[in-house]
Amino acid sequence: MELKKDCIREVLLYIEKNGKPNEYISNVEIKINSFSSDDITYTIEKLAEGNIINIVSKTFDGEILVKDITFVGHQFLENIRDDEVWKEAKTRISKIAGVSLSIIEQVTAQIIASKLGF
C-alpha cells in the first residue's frame, strides 16, 4: 500500500483533536472523508512503526488502539500543521517521486524558518 502524505497529516490532526488522557482512539472510529478505512489503518501502523504515535494493541479483527502522539510526533505535526506551509511543502516535494517523512519535516522547517525571516 501507499503511505499517503495527506492521510498522515489528517490522522495526526484527528488524534490530537480527539485524544483524551487515559483514553484510546480506535482506527475504526477515525473517519476522514477523503481516505478509506484501509488508508487510515495503514497510516496508523506506519506512524507507530516510525515512533510518531503510540499504540496500545492490535486485535485479530484489525482494530488498533492509539494511545497518543509521541513527542517526536508532536514536533512533526507542528511542522506540517499550518495549511499554507503544508501546501507549499507538497508543491516542493511533488517534484520528486518519493520523499521520506524526515525530508518532509526538513522542507516544512525550512519554509517555516523563511516565513520567520531566518
C-alpha atoms as a PDB file:
ATOM      1  CA  MET A   1       0.000   0.000   0.000  1.00  0.00           C
ATOM      2  CA  GLU A   2       0.970   3.607  -0.475  1.00  0.00           C
ATOM      3  CA  LEU A   3       1.595   5.818   2.556  1.00  0.00           C
ATOM      4  CA  LYS A   4      -0.353   8.961   1.686  1.00  0.00           C
ATOM      5  CA  LYS A   5       1.113  12.202   2.967  1.00  0.00           C
ATOM      6  CA  ASP A   6      -2.243  13.959   3.372  1.00  0.00           C
ATOM      7  CA  CYS A   7      -3.567  10.973   5.308  1.00  0.00           C
ATOM      8  CA  ILE A   8      -0.605  11.197   7.691  1.00  0.00           C
ATOM      9  CA  ARG A   9      -1.407  14.825   8.393  1.00  0.00           C
ATOM     10  CA  GLU A  10      -5.146  14.263   8.776  1.00  0.00           C
ATOM     11  CA  VAL A  11      -4.714  11.260  11.087  1.00  0.00           C
ATOM     12  CA  LEU A  12      -2.330  13.172  13.337  1.00  0.00           C
ATOM     13  CA  LEU A  13      -4.653  16.183  13.467  1.00  0.00           C
ATOM     14  CA  TYR A  14      -7.571  13.872  14.288  1.00  0.00           C
ATOM     15  CA  ILE A  15      -5.703  12.138  17.105  1.00  0.00           C
ATOM     16  CA  GLU A  16      -4.551  15.451  18.542  1.00  0.00           C
ATOM     17  CA  LYS A  17      -8.049  16.941  18.449  1.00  0.00           C
ATOM     18  CA  ASN A  18      -9.943  13.900  19.726  1.00  0.00           C
ATOM     19  CA  GLY A  19      -7.454  12.271  22.061  1.00  0.00           C
ATOM     20  CA  LYS A  20      -8.024  12.383  25.818  1.00  0.00           C
ATOM     21  CA  PRO A  21      -5.746  11.346  28.679  1.00  0.00           C
ATOM     22  CA  ASN A  22      -6.199   7.700  29.659  1.00  0.00           C
ATOM     23  CA  GLU A  23      -8.488   7.003  26.693  1.00  0.00           C
ATOM     24  CA  TYR A  24      -7.731   5.375  23.364  1.00  0.00           C
ATOM     25  CA  ILE A  25      -8.754   6.141  19.820  1.00  0.00           C
ATOM     26  CA  SER A  26      -9.586   3.209  17.577  1.00  0.00           C
ATOM     27  CA  ASN A  27      -8.680   3.183  13.911  1.00  0.00           C
ATOM     28  CA  VAL A  28     -12.298   2.124  13.353  1.00  0.00           C
ATOM     29  CA  GLU A  29     -13.644   5.405  14.747  1.00  0.00           C
ATOM     30  CA  ILE A  30     -11.362   7.662  12.710  1.00  0.00           C
ATOM     31  CA  LYS A  31     -13.342   8.916   9.753  1.00  0.00           C
ATOM     32  CA  ILE A  32     -11.667  11.208   7.256  1.00  0.00           C
ATOM     33  CA  ASN A  33     -13.784  11.781   4.174  1.00  0.00           C
ATOM     34  CA  SER A  34     -11.064  11.578   1.565  1.00  0.00           C
ATOM     35  CA  PHE A  35      -9.472   8.344   2.859  1.00  0.00           C
ATOM     36  CA  SER A  36     -10.639   4.767   3.137  1.00  0.00           C
ATOM     37  CA  SER A  37     -10.512   2.808   6.381  1.00  0.00           C
ATOM     38  CA  ASP A  38      -7.653   0.794   4.838  1.00  0.00           C
ATOM     39  CA  ASP A  39      -5.687   4.014   4.191  1.00  0.00           C
ATOM     40  CA  ILE A  40      -6.256   5.147   7.788  1.00  0.00           C
ATOM     41  CA  THR A  41      -5.319   1.770   9.274  1.00  0.00           C
ATOM     42  CA  TYR A  42      -2.169   1.524   7.172  1.00  0.00           C
ATOM     43  CA  THR A  43      -1.185   5.070   8.103  1.00  0.00           C
ATOM     44  CA  ILE A  44      -1.651   4.338  11.808  1.00  0.00           C
ATOM     45  CA  GLU A  45       0.503   1.211  11.525  1.00  0.00           C
ATOM     46  CA  LYS A  46       3.294   3.117   9.789  1.00  0.00           C
ATOM     47  CA  LEU A  47       3.115   6.073  12.191  1.00  0.00           C
ATOM     48  CA  ALA A  48       3.512   3.608  15.061  1.00  0.00           C
ATOM     49  CA  GLU A  49       6.485   1.945  13.351  1.00  0.00           C
ATOM     50  CA  GLY A  50       8.054   5.397  12.950  1.00  0.00           C
ATOM     51  CA  ASN A  51       7.524   6.293  16.622  1.00  0.00           C
ATOM     52  CA  ILE A  52       5.194   9.129  15.664  1.00  0.00           C
ATOM     53  CA  ILE A  53       2.291   7.647  17.658  1.00  0.00           C
ATOM     54  CA  ASN A  54       1.942   5.086  20.425  1.00  0.00           C
ATOM     55  CA  ILE A  55      -0.474   2.221  20.004  1.00  0.00           C
ATOM     56  CA  VAL A  56      -1.764   0.061  22.835  1.00  0.00           C
ATOM     57  CA  SER A  57      -2.883  -3.013  20.982  1.00  0.00           C
ATOM     58  CA  LYS A  58      -3.951  -4.581  17.720  1.00  0.00           C
ATOM     59  CA  THR A  59      -6.799  -7.063  17.689  1.00  0.00           C
ATOM     60  CA  PHE A  60      -7.356 -10.032  15.430  1.00  0.00           C
ATOM     61  CA  ASP A  61     -10.248  -8.251  13.744  1.00  0.00           C
ATOM     62  CA  GLY A  62      -7.999  -5.353  12.673  1.00  0.00           C
ATOM     63  CA  GLU A  63      -8.785  -2.810  15.366  1.00  0.00           C
ATOM     64  CA  ILE A  64      -5.816  -0.730  16.505  1.00  0.00           C
ATOM     65  CA  LEU A  65      -5.989   1.309  19.707  1.00  0.00           C
ATOM     66  CA  VAL A  66      -3.985   4.517  19.557  1.00  0.00           C
ATOM     67  CA  LYS A  67      -2.775   5.827  22.907  1.00  0.00           C
ATOM     68  CA  ASP A  68      -1.296   9.181  21.898  1.00  0.00           C
ATOM     69  CA  ILE A  69       1.129  11.119  19.746  1.00  0.00           C
ATOM     70  CA  THR A  70       4.765  10.858  20.805  1.00  0.00           C
ATOM     71  CA  PHE A  71       6.927  13.909  21.484  1.00  0.00           C
ATOM     72  CA  VAL A  72       8.629  13.347  18.131  1.00  0.00           C
ATOM     73  CA  GLY A  73       5.183  13.079  16.568  1.00  0.00           C
ATOM     74  CA  HIS A  74       4.131  16.399  18.070  1.00  0.00           C
ATOM     75  CA  GLN A  75       7.262  18.041  16.683  1.00  0.00           C
ATOM     76  CA  PHE A  76       6.489  16.609  13.245  1.00  0.00           C
ATOM     77  CA  LEU A  77       2.847  17.716  13.489  1.00  0.00           C
ATOM     78  CA  GLU A  78       3.858  21.268  14.401  1.00  0.00           C
ATOM     79  CA  ASN A  79       5.865  21.467  11.190  1.00  0.00           C
ATOM     80  CA  ILE A  80       3.014  20.240   8.987  1.00  0.00           C
ATOM     81  CA  ARG A  81       0.072  21.842  10.839  1.00  0.00           C
ATOM     82  CA  ASP A  82      -0.222  25.183   9.013  1.00  0.00           C
ATOM     83  CA  ASP A  83      -2.279  24.850   5.821  1.00  0.00           C
ATOM     84  CA  GLU A  84      -0.104  27.280   3.833  1.00  0.00           C
ATOM     85  CA  VAL A  85       3.129  25.604   4.921  1.00  0.00           C
ATOM     86  CA  TRP A  86       1.680  22.191   4.110  1.00  0.00           C
ATOM     87  CA  LYS A  87       0.519  23.309   0.672  1.00  0.00           C
ATOM     88  CA  GLU A  88       3.916  24.821  -0.157  1.00  0.00           C
ATOM     89  CA  ALA A  89       5.743  21.734   1.120  1.00  0.00           C
ATOM     90  CA  LYS A  90       3.581  19.442  -1.011  1.00  0.00           C
ATOM     91  CA  THR A  91       4.339  21.589  -4.059  1.00  0.00           C
ATOM     92  CA  ARG A  92       8.065  21.343  -3.393  1.00  0.00           C
ATOM     93  CA  ILE A  93       8.139  17.618  -2.688  1.00  0.00           C
ATOM     94  CA  SER A  94       5.881  16.744  -5.626  1.00  0.00           C
ATOM     95  CA  LYS A  95       8.869  17.316  -7.910  1.00  0.00           C
ATOM     96  CA  ILE A  96      10.379  14.060  -6.637  1.00  0.00           C
ATOM     97  CA  ALA A  97       8.725  10.643  -6.836  1.00  0.00           C
ATOM     98  CA  GLY A  98       9.374   9.636  -3.246  1.00  0.00           C
ATOM     99  CA  VAL A  99      10.150  11.665  -0.146  1.00  0.00           C
ATOM    100  CA  SER A 100      10.554  10.384   3.407  1.00  0.00           C
ATOM    101  CA  LEU A 101       8.890  11.875   6.482  1.00  0.00           C
ATOM    102  CA  SER A 102      12.237  13.218   7.650  1.00  0.00           C
ATOM    103  CA  ILE A 103      12.637  15.123   4.372  1.00  0.00           C
ATOM    104  CA  ILE A 104       9.080  16.444   4.660  1.00  0.00           C
ATOM    105  CA  GLU A 105       9.935  17.646   8.159  1.00  0.00           C
ATOM    106  CA  GLN A 106      13.086  19.369   6.874  1.00  0.00           C
ATOM    107  CA  VAL A 107      11.239  21.019   3.989  1.00  0.00           C
ATOM    108  CA  THR A 108       8.477  22.309   6.261  1.00  0.00           C
ATOM    109  CA  ALA A 109      11.053  23.522   8.794  1.00  0.00           C
ATOM    110  CA  GLN A 110      12.799  25.478   6.032  1.00  0.00           C
ATOM    111  CA  ILE A 111       9.515  27.007   4.903  1.00  0.00           C
ATOM    112  CA  ILE A 112       8.649  27.996   8.480  1.00  0.00           C
ATOM    113  CA  ALA A 113      12.127  29.426   9.065  1.00  0.00           C
ATOM    114  CA  SER A 114      11.881  31.527   5.896  1.00  0.00           C
ATOM    115  CA  LYS A 115       8.475  32.864   6.965  1.00  0.00           C
ATOM    116  CA  LEU A 116      10.052  33.858  10.290  1.00  0.00           C
ATOM    117  CA  GLY A 117      12.854  35.678   8.480  1.00  0.00           C
ATOM    118  CA  PHE A 118      15.677  33.205   9.095  1.00  0.00           C
END
